[in-house]
Amino acid sequence: MTSLLRPALVLLVGLTIITGVAYPLLVTGAAQAVFPRQANGSIVESGGKPVGSSLLGQSFVEPRYFWSRPSATSPDPYNGTASGGSNQGPTNPALTDAAKKRIAALQAADPGNTAPVPVELVTASGSGLDPEISPAAARYQVARVAHARGLDPATVQALVEAHTEGRQFGVLGEPRVNVLALNLALDRSKPAP
């Protein structure tokens, strides 16, 4: 029995050192050397202070800011440790009720806006952490943000266009706008009162 136990323990300790210590150190070191910003969470700074990550959505609720896609994480919105969708299908009454409440909130914040509400402003994504919205969702909010900040809507629309990213490699995904980057650009152009 001891003749079997010793090789098993040596193998356990050896593989633990290789897979539990050496490999993670190697991958972490390579990531820090080649992609330091991404390896550290793609942190966005403003005024020398970290304000968020370009990879995770944030909750913006004030009319002077563009609003992100709703988060399905709970109890805290955009909680990276609780990533996941709501798993509510299109026939689920809870999804319909949540969408109606979100539509009502959007219309209450901008009563003059009669445009159809883009779907991503009322439904959460699969991860519940999306940092981006579509250009249509950003355009839907331009009038509200411009009015709240006392800016010309054309100026706000120009910021949206400047922060719209195209498809990756020209074919993958859809055009998108990073909400945090856009809101920071708004604050730089005209600080909120």
C-alpha atoms as a PDB file:
ATOM      1  CA  MET A   1       0.000   0.000   0.000  1.00  0.00           C
ATOM      2  CA  THR A   2       2.822   2.430   0.854  1.00  0.00           C
ATOM      3  CA  SER A   3       4.426   1.691  -2.493  1.00  0.00           C
ATOM      4  CA  LEU A   4       1.336   3.181  -4.156  1.00  0.00           C
ATOM      5  CA  LEU A   5       0.886   6.037  -1.704  1.00  0.00           C
ATOM      6  CA  ARG A   6       4.306   7.623  -2.138  1.00  0.00           C
ATOM      7  CA  PRO A   7       4.134   8.075  -5.967  1.00  0.00           C
ATOM      8  CA  ALA A   8       0.566   9.364  -5.637  1.00  0.00           C
ATOM      9  CA  LEU A   9       1.609  12.009  -3.077  1.00  0.00           C
ATOM     10  CA  VAL A  10       4.669  13.032  -5.125  1.00  0.00           C
ATOM     11  CA  LEU A  11       2.455  13.366  -8.190  1.00  0.00           C
ATOM     12  CA  LEU A  12      -0.125  15.373  -6.222  1.00  0.00           C
ATOM     13  CA  VAL A  13       2.483  17.792  -4.869  1.00  0.00           C
ATOM     14  CA  GLY A  14       4.215  18.098  -8.253  1.00  0.00           C
ATOM     15  CA  LEU A  15       1.007  18.802 -10.181  1.00  0.00           C
ATOM     16  CA  THR A  16      -0.146  21.222  -7.479  1.00  0.00           C
ATOM     17  CA  ILE A  17       3.060  23.200  -7.869  1.00  0.00           C
ATOM     18  CA  ILE A  18       2.849  23.136 -11.676  1.00  0.00           C
ATOM     19  CA  THR A  19      -0.858  23.872 -12.103  1.00  0.00           C
ATOM     20  CA  GLY A  20      -1.507  25.805  -8.918  1.00  0.00           C
ATOM     21  CA  VAL A  21       1.610  27.977  -8.677  1.00  0.00           C
ATOM     22  CA  ALA A  22       3.871  27.926 -11.736  1.00  0.00           C
ATOM     23  CA  TYR A  23       1.223  28.134 -14.462  1.00  0.00           C
ATOM     24  CA  PRO A  24      -0.817  30.967 -12.833  1.00  0.00           C
ATOM     25  CA  LEU A  25       2.396  32.953 -12.221  1.00  0.00           C
ATOM     26  CA  LEU A  26       3.466  32.447 -15.837  1.00  0.00           C
ATOM     27  CA  VAL A  27       0.090  33.509 -17.262  1.00  0.00           C
ATOM     28  CA  THR A  28      -0.189  36.494 -14.898  1.00  0.00           C
ATOM     29  CA  GLY A  29       3.341  37.629 -15.726  1.00  0.00           C
ATOM     30  CA  ALA A  30       2.740  37.303 -19.465  1.00  0.00           C
ATOM     31  CA  ALA A  31      -0.549  39.206 -19.222  1.00  0.00           C
ATOM     32  CA  GLN A  32       1.065  42.001 -17.189  1.00  0.00           C
ATOM     33  CA  ALA A  33       3.910  42.251 -19.699  1.00  0.00           C
ATOM     34  CA  VAL A  34       1.819  42.186 -22.884  1.00  0.00           C
ATOM     35  CA  PHE A  35      -1.608  43.587 -21.850  1.00  0.00           C
ATOM     36  CA  PRO A  36      -1.186  45.422 -18.514  1.00  0.00           C
ATOM     37  CA  ARG A  37      -4.302  47.601 -18.832  1.00  0.00           C
ATOM     38  CA  GLN A  38      -6.577  44.686 -19.697  1.00  0.00           C
ATOM     39  CA  ALA A  39      -4.969  42.389 -17.120  1.00  0.00           C
ATOM     40  CA  ASN A  40      -5.764  44.941 -14.425  1.00  0.00           C
ATOM     41  CA  GLY A  41      -9.458  45.197 -15.304  1.00  0.00           C
ATOM     42  CA  SER A  42      -9.459  47.925 -17.972  1.00  0.00           C
ATOM     43  CA  ILE A  43      -9.894  50.561 -15.274  1.00  0.00           C
ATOM     44  CA  VAL A  44     -11.057  53.994 -16.429  1.00  0.00           C
ATOM     45  CA  GLU A  45      -9.727  56.993 -14.516  1.00  0.00           C
ATOM     46  CA  SER A  46     -10.989  60.546 -14.311  1.00  0.00           C
ATOM     47  CA  GLY A  47      -9.041  63.206 -12.478  1.00  0.00           C
ATOM     48  CA  GLY A  48      -6.488  60.596 -11.400  1.00  0.00           C
ATOM     49  CA  LYS A  49      -9.134  58.496  -9.638  1.00  0.00           C
ATOM     50  CA  PRO A  50     -10.616  55.199 -10.826  1.00  0.00           C
ATOM     51  CA  VAL A  51     -14.266  55.654 -11.802  1.00  0.00           C
ATOM     52  CA  GLY A  52     -15.080  52.268 -13.317  1.00  0.00           C
ATOM     53  CA  SER A  53     -14.129  49.686 -15.878  1.00  0.00           C
ATOM     54  CA  SER A  54     -14.668  49.895 -19.605  1.00  0.00           C
ATOM     55  CA  LEU A  55     -15.783  46.251 -19.444  1.00  0.00           C
ATOM     56  CA  LEU A  56     -18.577  46.532 -16.846  1.00  0.00           C
ATOM     57  CA  GLY A  57     -21.734  48.597 -16.967  1.00  0.00           C
ATOM     58  CA  GLN A  58     -22.597  51.098 -14.282  1.00  0.00           C
ATOM     59  CA  SER A  59     -25.847  52.419 -12.942  1.00  0.00           C
ATOM     60  CA  PHE A  60     -26.608  55.950 -14.133  1.00  0.00           C
ATOM     61  CA  VAL A  61     -30.027  57.245 -13.067  1.00  0.00           C
ATOM     62  CA  GLU A  62     -29.740  61.023 -13.233  1.00  0.00           C
ATOM     63  CA  PRO A  63     -31.315  62.669 -16.322  1.00  0.00           C
ATOM     64  CA  ARG A  64     -28.051  64.455 -17.173  1.00  0.00           C
ATOM     65  CA  TYR A  65     -26.357  61.128 -17.935  1.00  0.00           C
ATOM     66  CA  PHE A  66     -26.913  58.480 -20.562  1.00  0.00           C
ATOM     67  CA  TRP A  67     -28.439  55.412 -18.968  1.00  0.00           C
ATOM     68  CA  SER A  68     -26.976  51.946 -19.377  1.00  0.00           C
ATOM     69  CA  ARG A  69     -28.765  48.776 -20.232  1.00  0.00           C
ATOM     70  CA  PRO A  70     -30.613  47.432 -17.163  1.00  0.00           C
ATOM     71  CA  SER A  71     -28.693  44.997 -14.994  1.00  0.00           C
ATOM     72  CA  ALA A  72     -30.073  41.576 -14.105  1.00  0.00           C
ATOM     73  CA  THR A  73     -27.705  41.190 -11.165  1.00  0.00           C
ATOM     74  CA  SER A  74     -29.173  41.542  -7.732  1.00  0.00           C
ATOM     75  CA  PRO A  75     -29.440  42.786  -5.132  1.00  0.00           C
ATOM     76  CA  ASP A  76     -26.901  45.333  -6.440  1.00  0.00           C
ATOM     77  CA  PRO A  77     -26.968  46.437 -10.092  1.00  0.00           C
ATOM     78  CA  TYR A  78     -23.850  45.703 -12.134  1.00  0.00           C
ATOM     79  CA  ASN A  79     -22.422  43.415  -9.459  1.00  0.00           C
ATOM     80  CA  GLY A  80     -19.650  41.509 -11.228  1.00  0.00           C
ATOM     81  CA  THR A  81     -19.770  38.669  -8.699  1.00  0.00           C
ATOM     82  CA  ALA A  82     -23.431  38.007  -9.518  1.00  0.00           C
ATOM     83  CA  SER A  83     -23.123  37.996 -13.294  1.00  0.00           C
ATOM     84  CA  GLY A  84     -25.939  36.237 -15.058  1.00  0.00           C
ATOM     85  CA  GLY A  85     -29.185  36.809 -16.863  1.00  0.00           C
ATOM     86  CA  SER A  86     -32.632  36.830 -15.353  1.00  0.00           C
ATOM     87  CA  ASN A  87     -33.575  33.712 -17.366  1.00  0.00           C
ATOM     88  CA  GLN A  88     -37.009  35.214 -17.971  1.00  0.00           C
ATOM     89  CA  GLY A  89     -38.423  34.204 -21.320  1.00  0.00           C
ATOM     90  CA  PRO A  90     -40.581  36.417 -23.558  1.00  0.00           C
ATOM     91  CA  THR A  91     -43.803  34.875 -22.205  1.00  0.00           C
ATOM     92  CA  ASN A  92     -42.856  35.428 -18.552  1.00  0.00           C
ATOM     93  CA  PRO A  93     -45.166  38.037 -16.959  1.00  0.00           C
ATOM     94  CA  ALA A  94     -42.330  39.226 -14.688  1.00  0.00           C
ATOM     95  CA  LEU A  95     -40.275  40.240 -17.754  1.00  0.00           C
ATOM     96  CA  THR A  96     -43.262  42.072 -19.228  1.00  0.00           C
ATOM     97  CA  ASP A  97     -43.912  43.898 -15.940  1.00  0.00           C
ATOM     98  CA  ALA A  98     -40.243  44.887 -15.575  1.00  0.00           C
ATOM     99  CA  ALA A  99     -40.149  46.156 -19.172  1.00  0.00           C
ATOM    100  CA  LYS A 100     -43.333  48.209 -18.631  1.00  0.00           C
ATOM    101  CA  LYS A 101     -41.839  49.805 -15.500  1.00  0.00           C
ATOM    102  CA  ARG A 102     -38.629  50.652 -17.355  1.00  0.00           C
ATOM    103  CA  ILE A 103     -40.551  52.148 -20.284  1.00  0.00           C
ATOM    104  CA  ALA A 104     -42.602  54.242 -17.844  1.00  0.00           C
ATOM    105  CA  ALA A 105     -39.410  55.475 -16.139  1.00  0.00           C
ATOM    106  CA  LEU A 106     -37.847  56.420 -19.492  1.00  0.00           C
ATOM    107  CA  GLN A 107     -41.005  58.255 -20.581  1.00  0.00           C
ATOM    108  CA  ALA A 108     -41.292  60.045 -17.223  1.00  0.00           C
ATOM    109  CA  ALA A 109     -37.685  61.250 -17.523  1.00  0.00           C
ATOM    110  CA  ASP A 110     -38.310  62.573 -21.056  1.00  0.00           C
ATOM    111  CA  PRO A 111     -42.068  63.101 -21.575  1.00  0.00           C
ATOM    112  CA  GLY A 112     -41.611  64.841 -24.930  1.00  0.00           C
ATOM    113  CA  ASN A 113     -39.885  61.832 -26.482  1.00  0.00           C
ATOM    114  CA  THR A 114     -42.425  59.885 -28.556  1.00  0.00           C
ATOM    115  CA  ALA A 115     -39.892  57.651 -30.323  1.00  0.00           C
ATOM    116  CA  PRO A 116     -40.125  53.899 -29.770  1.00  0.00           C
ATOM    117  CA  VAL A 117     -37.990  52.807 -26.811  1.00  0.00           C
ATOM    118  CA  PRO A 118     -35.041  50.646 -27.934  1.00  0.00           C
ATOM    119  CA  VAL A 119     -35.318  47.140 -26.529  1.00  0.00           C
ATOM    120  CA  GLU A 120     -31.931  47.156 -24.782  1.00  0.00           C
ATOM    121  CA  LEU A 121     -33.047  50.038 -22.570  1.00  0.00           C
ATOM    122  CA  VAL A 122     -35.789  47.860 -21.057  1.00  0.00           C
ATOM    123  CA  THR A 123     -34.275  44.361 -21.034  1.00  0.00           C
ATOM    124  CA  ALA A 124     -31.128  43.060 -19.369  1.00  0.00           C
ATOM    125  CA  SER A 125     -28.438  41.187 -21.247  1.00  0.00           C
ATOM    126  CA  GLY A 126     -27.307  37.634 -20.656  1.00  0.00           C
ATOM    127  CA  SER A 127     -24.516  38.776 -18.339  1.00  0.00           C
ATOM    128  CA  GLY A 128     -26.403  41.644 -16.748  1.00  0.00           C
ATOM    129  CA  LEU A 129     -23.188  43.689 -16.918  1.00  0.00           C
ATOM    130  CA  ASP A 130     -23.175  45.274 -20.398  1.00  0.00           C
ATOM    131  CA  PRO A 131     -21.124  48.482 -20.506  1.00  0.00           C
ATOM    132  CA  GLU A 132     -22.458  49.422 -23.940  1.00  0.00           C
ATOM    133  CA  ILE A 133     -25.696  50.352 -25.633  1.00  0.00           C
ATOM    134  CA  SER A 134     -26.573  50.612 -29.297  1.00  0.00           C
ATOM    135  CA  PRO A 135     -26.288  53.941 -31.131  1.00  0.00           C
ATOM    136  CA  ALA A 136     -30.117  53.900 -31.382  1.00  0.00           C
ATOM    137  CA  ALA A 137     -30.412  53.656 -27.582  1.00  0.00           C
ATOM    138  CA  ALA A 138     -27.969  56.547 -27.207  1.00  0.00           C
ATOM    139  CA  ARG A 139     -29.836  58.658 -29.792  1.00  0.00           C
ATOM    140  CA  TYR A 140     -33.089  57.989 -27.914  1.00  0.00           C
ATOM    141  CA  GLN A 141     -31.584  59.681 -24.841  1.00  0.00           C
ATOM    142  CA  VAL A 142     -29.921  62.686 -26.551  1.00  0.00           C
ATOM    143  CA  ALA A 143     -32.783  65.160 -26.017  1.00  0.00           C
ATOM    144  CA  ARG A 144     -33.115  64.338 -22.305  1.00  0.00           C
ATOM    145  CA  VAL A 145     -29.379  64.646 -21.646  1.00  0.00           C
ATOM    146  CA  ALA A 146     -29.071  67.865 -23.694  1.00  0.00           C
ATOM    147  CA  HIS A 147     -31.999  69.453 -21.862  1.00  0.00           C
ATOM    148  CA  ALA A 148     -30.712  68.426 -18.409  1.00  0.00           C
ATOM    149  CA  ARG A 149     -27.264  69.879 -19.152  1.00  0.00           C
ATOM    150  CA  GLY A 150     -28.399  72.955 -21.059  1.00  0.00           C
ATOM    151  CA  LEU A 151     -26.586  71.829 -24.202  1.00  0.00           C
ATOM    152  CA  ASP A 152     -27.600  71.911 -27.839  1.00  0.00           C
ATOM    153  CA  PRO A 153     -28.864  68.445 -28.873  1.00  0.00           C
ATOM    154  CA  ALA A 154     -26.534  68.564 -31.903  1.00  0.00           C
ATOM    155  CA  THR A 155     -23.543  68.884 -29.543  1.00  0.00           C
ATOM    156  CA  VAL A 156     -24.664  65.856 -27.534  1.00  0.00           C
ATOM    157  CA  GLN A 157     -25.365  63.914 -30.732  1.00  0.00           C
ATOM    158  CA  ALA A 158     -21.859  64.723 -31.954  1.00  0.00           C
ATOM    159  CA  LEU A 159     -20.450  63.236 -28.720  1.00  0.00           C
ATOM    160  CA  VAL A 160     -22.524  60.096 -29.294  1.00  0.00           C
ATOM    161  CA  GLU A 161     -21.167  59.782 -32.833  1.00  0.00           C
ATOM    162  CA  ALA A 162     -17.601  60.343 -31.608  1.00  0.00           C
ATOM    163  CA  HIS A 163     -17.992  57.534 -29.053  1.00  0.00           C
ATOM    164  CA  THR A 164     -19.702  55.053 -31.385  1.00  0.00           C
ATOM    165  CA  GLU A 165     -17.483  52.052 -32.081  1.00  0.00           C
ATOM    166  CA  GLY A 166     -18.036  50.045 -35.245  1.00  0.00           C
ATOM    167  CA  ARG A 167     -18.117  46.307 -35.711  1.00  0.00           C
ATOM    168  CA  GLN A 168     -14.981  44.493 -34.613  1.00  0.00           C
ATOM    169  CA  PHE A 169     -12.818  43.761 -37.675  1.00  0.00           C
ATOM    170  CA  GLY A 170     -15.636  45.288 -39.718  1.00  0.00           C
ATOM    171  CA  VAL A 171     -17.864  42.200 -39.437  1.00  0.00           C
ATOM    172  CA  LEU A 172     -18.223  40.997 -35.833  1.00  0.00           C
ATOM    173  CA  GLY A 173     -20.875  42.328 -33.480  1.00  0.00           C
ATOM    174  CA  GLU A 174     -22.886  45.492 -33.807  1.00  0.00           C
ATOM    175  CA  PRO A 175     -22.011  49.186 -33.524  1.00  0.00           C
ATOM    176  CA  ARG A 176     -21.976  50.225 -29.867  1.00  0.00           C
ATOM    177  CA  VAL A 177     -21.454  53.117 -27.469  1.00  0.00           C
ATOM    178  CA  ASN A 178     -19.626  52.707 -24.154  1.00  0.00           C
ATOM    179  CA  VAL A 179     -21.868  54.517 -21.656  1.00  0.00           C
ATOM    180  CA  LEU A 180     -19.150  55.289 -19.098  1.00  0.00           C
ATOM    181  CA  ALA A 181     -16.824  56.793 -21.732  1.00  0.00           C
ATOM    182  CA  LEU A 182     -19.683  58.862 -23.172  1.00  0.00           C
ATOM    183  CA  ASN A 183     -20.745  60.177 -19.750  1.00  0.00           C
ATOM    184  CA  LEU A 184     -17.165  61.089 -18.879  1.00  0.00           C
ATOM    185  CA  ALA A 185     -16.882  62.969 -22.174  1.00  0.00           C
ATOM    186  CA  LEU A 186     -20.093  64.818 -21.290  1.00  0.00           C
ATOM    187  CA  ASP A 187     -18.640  65.809 -17.921  1.00  0.00           C
ATOM    188  CA  ARG A 188     -15.487  67.080 -19.623  1.00  0.00           C
ATOM    189  CA  SER A 189     -17.424  69.100 -22.204  1.00  0.00           C
ATOM    190  CA  LYS A 190     -19.847  70.670 -19.721  1.00  0.00           C
ATOM    191  CA  PRO A 191     -19.773  69.596 -16.098  1.00  0.00           C
ATOM    192  CA  ALA A 192     -23.158  68.807 -14.634  1.00  0.00           C
ATOM    193  CA  PRO A 193     -24.579  71.490 -12.346  1.00  0.00           C
END
